[in-house]
């Protein structure tokens, strides 16, 4: 999902935008060299030491007035 730790251990997004929100599951290790992935069953974030794992991706979508999510789904 584009979140990982830096060499200094701080979390960052792959596009280098501010990491001001997180939704880590309770008891997740959030220190060390890690990547985050989304648990689709409950919406929480989990951590994984293997950042080369191939998992599904999440893309940001901002609907416009002419292009609402309902119009795209139907």
N, C-alpha and C. Protein backbone atom coordinates (compact mmCIF):
# COMPACT_ATOMS: atom_id res chain seq x y z
N UNK A 1 0.80 -1.19 0.00
CA UNK A 1 0.00 0.00 0.00
C UNK A 1 0.85 1.25 0.00
N UNK A 2 2.15 1.06 -0.04
CA UNK A 2 3.03 2.21 -0.18
C UNK A 2 3.58 2.77 1.11
N UNK A 3 3.36 2.10 2.24
CA UNK A 3 3.90 2.56 3.52
C UNK A 3 5.04 1.64 3.95
N UNK A 4 6.15 2.25 4.34
CA UNK A 4 7.29 1.47 4.82
C UNK A 4 8.13 2.32 5.76
N UNK A 5 9.06 1.67 6.45
CA UNK A 5 9.94 2.41 7.35
C UNK A 5 11.20 2.82 6.61
N UNK A 6 11.77 3.94 7.04
CA UNK A 6 13.03 4.42 6.49
C UNK A 6 14.18 3.80 7.27
N UNK A 7 15.39 4.11 6.87
CA UNK A 7 16.57 3.63 7.59
C UNK A 7 16.55 4.08 9.05
N UNK A 8 16.00 5.27 9.30
CA UNK A 8 15.93 5.80 10.66
C UNK A 8 14.76 5.22 11.46
N UNK A 9 13.91 4.42 10.81
CA UNK A 9 12.79 3.79 11.51
C UNK A 9 11.49 4.57 11.47
N UNK A 10 11.48 5.69 10.76
CA UNK A 10 10.25 6.47 10.64
C UNK A 10 9.40 5.93 9.49
N UNK A 11 8.09 5.94 9.67
CA UNK A 11 7.19 5.50 8.61
C UNK A 11 7.06 6.59 7.57
N UNK A 12 6.95 6.18 6.30
CA UNK A 12 6.82 7.12 5.19
C UNK A 12 5.97 6.48 4.08
N UNK A 13 5.39 7.33 3.25
CA UNK A 13 4.67 6.86 2.06
C UNK A 13 5.64 6.81 0.90
N UNK A 14 5.38 5.94 -0.05
CA UNK A 14 6.28 5.80 -1.20
C UNK A 14 6.38 7.07 -2.03
N UNK A 15 5.35 7.94 -1.99
CA UNK A 15 5.43 9.21 -2.72
C UNK A 15 5.98 10.34 -1.86
N UNK A 16 6.46 9.98 -0.66
CA UNK A 16 7.08 10.90 0.29
C UNK A 16 6.12 11.93 0.88
N UNK A 17 4.80 11.70 0.75
CA UNK A 17 3.84 12.60 1.39
C UNK A 17 3.80 12.35 2.89
N UNK A 18 3.21 13.27 3.63
CA UNK A 18 3.18 13.23 5.08
C UNK A 18 2.51 11.95 5.59
N UNK A 19 3.12 11.32 6.57
CA UNK A 19 2.56 10.12 7.19
C UNK A 19 1.84 10.54 8.46
N UNK A 20 0.69 11.17 8.29
CA UNK A 20 -0.03 11.72 9.44
C UNK A 20 -1.19 10.83 9.89
N UNK A 21 -1.50 9.77 9.16
CA UNK A 21 -2.60 8.87 9.52
C UNK A 21 -2.11 7.44 9.45
N UNK A 22 -2.55 6.61 10.39
CA UNK A 22 -2.30 5.18 10.30
C UNK A 22 -3.44 4.42 10.97
N UNK A 23 -3.57 3.18 10.64
CA UNK A 23 -4.61 2.33 11.20
C UNK A 23 -4.05 0.94 11.49
N UNK A 24 -2.89 0.91 12.17
CA UNK A 24 -2.27 -0.36 12.50
C UNK A 24 -3.14 -1.17 13.46
N UNK A 25 -3.18 -2.47 13.23
CA UNK A 25 -3.90 -3.37 14.13
C UNK A 25 -3.18 -3.39 15.48
N UNK A 26 -3.90 -3.66 16.57
CA UNK A 26 -3.25 -3.75 17.88
C UNK A 26 -2.13 -4.80 17.86
N UNK A 27 -1.11 -4.55 18.60
CA UNK A 27 0.02 -5.48 18.79
C UNK A 27 0.86 -5.71 17.53
N UNK A 28 0.79 -4.82 16.55
CA UNK A 28 1.65 -4.95 15.37
C UNK A 28 3.00 -4.33 15.67
N UNK A 29 4.07 -5.01 15.28
CA UNK A 29 5.42 -4.48 15.42
C UNK A 29 5.56 -3.31 14.45
N UNK A 30 5.84 -2.13 14.96
CA UNK A 30 5.95 -0.95 14.11
C UNK A 30 7.37 -0.38 14.09
N UNK A 31 8.34 -1.18 14.53
CA UNK A 31 9.73 -0.73 14.53
C UNK A 31 10.57 -1.69 13.70
N UNK A 32 11.68 -1.18 13.19
CA UNK A 32 12.56 -1.98 12.35
C UNK A 32 12.25 -1.71 10.88
N UNK A 33 12.82 -2.52 10.01
CA UNK A 33 12.59 -2.37 8.58
C UNK A 33 11.35 -3.16 8.20
N UNK A 34 10.28 -2.44 7.93
CA UNK A 34 8.98 -3.06 7.68
C UNK A 34 8.25 -2.40 6.54
N UNK A 35 7.28 -3.12 6.02
CA UNK A 35 6.31 -2.57 5.08
C UNK A 35 4.93 -2.84 5.66
N UNK A 36 3.95 -2.07 5.24
CA UNK A 36 2.59 -2.25 5.74
C UNK A 36 1.70 -2.80 4.64
N UNK A 37 0.70 -3.58 5.04
CA UNK A 37 -0.31 -4.04 4.09
C UNK A 37 -1.67 -3.99 4.77
N UNK A 38 -2.72 -3.93 3.97
CA UNK A 38 -4.08 -3.79 4.47
C UNK A 38 -4.71 -5.16 4.67
N UNK A 39 -5.29 -5.37 5.85
CA UNK A 39 -6.10 -6.56 6.11
C UNK A 39 -7.52 -6.21 5.66
N UNK A 40 -7.95 -6.76 4.52
CA UNK A 40 -9.24 -6.36 3.96
C UNK A 40 -10.43 -6.83 4.79
N UNK A 41 -10.23 -7.79 5.67
CA UNK A 41 -11.34 -8.28 6.50
C UNK A 41 -11.78 -7.26 7.54
N UNK A 42 -10.83 -6.50 8.11
CA UNK A 42 -11.21 -5.54 9.15
C UNK A 42 -10.70 -4.12 8.90
N UNK A 43 -9.98 -3.90 7.80
CA UNK A 43 -9.52 -2.56 7.45
C UNK A 43 -8.30 -2.08 8.20
N UNK A 44 -7.72 -2.94 9.05
CA UNK A 44 -6.53 -2.52 9.79
C UNK A 44 -5.29 -2.79 8.97
N UNK A 45 -4.20 -2.13 9.38
CA UNK A 45 -2.92 -2.31 8.71
C UNK A 45 -2.10 -3.32 9.48
N UNK A 46 -1.36 -4.14 8.77
CA UNK A 46 -0.46 -5.12 9.36
C UNK A 46 0.95 -4.83 8.85
N UNK A 47 1.95 -5.31 9.56
CA UNK A 47 3.33 -5.10 9.15
C UNK A 47 3.94 -6.41 8.69
N UNK A 48 4.94 -6.29 7.81
CA UNK A 48 5.59 -7.43 7.21
C UNK A 48 7.05 -7.09 6.99
N UNK A 49 7.95 -7.97 7.40
CA UNK A 49 9.37 -7.72 7.19
C UNK A 49 9.78 -7.94 5.74
N UNK A 50 9.00 -8.69 4.98
CA UNK A 50 9.35 -8.99 3.59
C UNK A 50 8.69 -7.96 2.66
N UNK A 51 9.40 -6.88 2.39
CA UNK A 51 8.84 -5.81 1.56
C UNK A 51 8.79 -6.19 0.08
N UNK A 52 9.33 -7.35 -0.28
CA UNK A 52 9.27 -7.77 -1.68
C UNK A 52 8.05 -8.65 -1.96
N UNK A 53 7.22 -8.90 -0.95
CA UNK A 53 6.00 -9.70 -1.16
C UNK A 53 5.10 -9.02 -2.17
N UNK A 54 4.54 -9.80 -3.08
CA UNK A 54 3.60 -9.26 -4.05
C UNK A 54 2.19 -9.36 -3.49
N UNK A 55 1.60 -8.22 -3.21
CA UNK A 55 0.25 -8.16 -2.66
C UNK A 55 -0.59 -7.23 -3.53
N UNK A 56 -1.88 -7.24 -3.32
CA UNK A 56 -2.76 -6.34 -4.06
C UNK A 56 -2.41 -4.89 -3.74
N UNK A 57 -2.76 -4.00 -4.64
CA UNK A 57 -2.43 -2.59 -4.43
C UNK A 57 -3.68 -1.78 -4.15
N UNK A 58 -3.46 -0.61 -3.60
CA UNK A 58 -4.53 0.34 -3.31
C UNK A 58 -4.19 1.62 -4.06
N UNK A 59 -5.16 2.16 -4.76
CA UNK A 59 -4.95 3.41 -5.48
C UNK A 59 -5.88 4.48 -4.91
N UNK A 60 -5.40 5.69 -4.88
CA UNK A 60 -6.22 6.80 -4.43
C UNK A 60 -7.12 7.23 -5.58
N UNK A 61 -8.37 7.46 -5.28
CA UNK A 61 -9.33 7.91 -6.28
C UNK A 61 -10.11 9.08 -5.72
N UNK A 62 -10.08 10.20 -6.41
CA UNK A 62 -10.82 11.37 -5.99
C UNK A 62 -11.86 11.65 -7.07
N UNK A 63 -13.14 11.34 -6.79
CA UNK A 63 -14.17 11.53 -7.83
C UNK A 63 -14.41 13.01 -8.11
N UNK A 64 -14.69 13.29 -9.37
CA UNK A 64 -15.07 14.64 -9.76
C UNK A 64 -16.59 14.71 -9.84
N UNK A 65 -17.13 15.86 -10.13
CA UNK A 65 -18.58 16.00 -10.24
C UNK A 65 -19.15 15.12 -11.33
N UNK A 66 -18.44 14.98 -12.43
CA UNK A 66 -18.93 14.20 -13.56
C UNK A 66 -18.54 12.73 -13.48
N UNK A 67 -17.75 12.37 -12.49
CA UNK A 67 -17.19 11.03 -12.43
C UNK A 67 -17.32 10.48 -11.02
N UNK A 68 -18.53 10.25 -10.54
CA UNK A 68 -18.73 9.76 -9.20
C UNK A 68 -18.45 8.26 -9.13
N UNK A 69 -18.20 7.77 -7.93
CA UNK A 69 -17.94 6.34 -7.75
C UNK A 69 -19.13 5.52 -8.23
N UNK A 70 -20.36 5.95 -7.94
CA UNK A 70 -21.55 5.20 -8.39
C UNK A 70 -21.59 5.09 -9.90
N UNK A 71 -21.22 6.17 -10.61
CA UNK A 71 -21.21 6.10 -12.07
C UNK A 71 -20.17 5.12 -12.58
N UNK A 72 -19.05 5.00 -11.89
CA UNK A 72 -18.00 4.10 -12.33
C UNK A 72 -18.33 2.65 -12.04
N UNK A 73 -19.06 2.39 -10.97
CA UNK A 73 -19.39 1.02 -10.57
C UNK A 73 -20.48 0.45 -11.48
N UNK A 74 -21.43 1.27 -11.85
CA UNK A 74 -22.59 0.79 -12.63
C UNK A 74 -22.35 0.82 -14.10
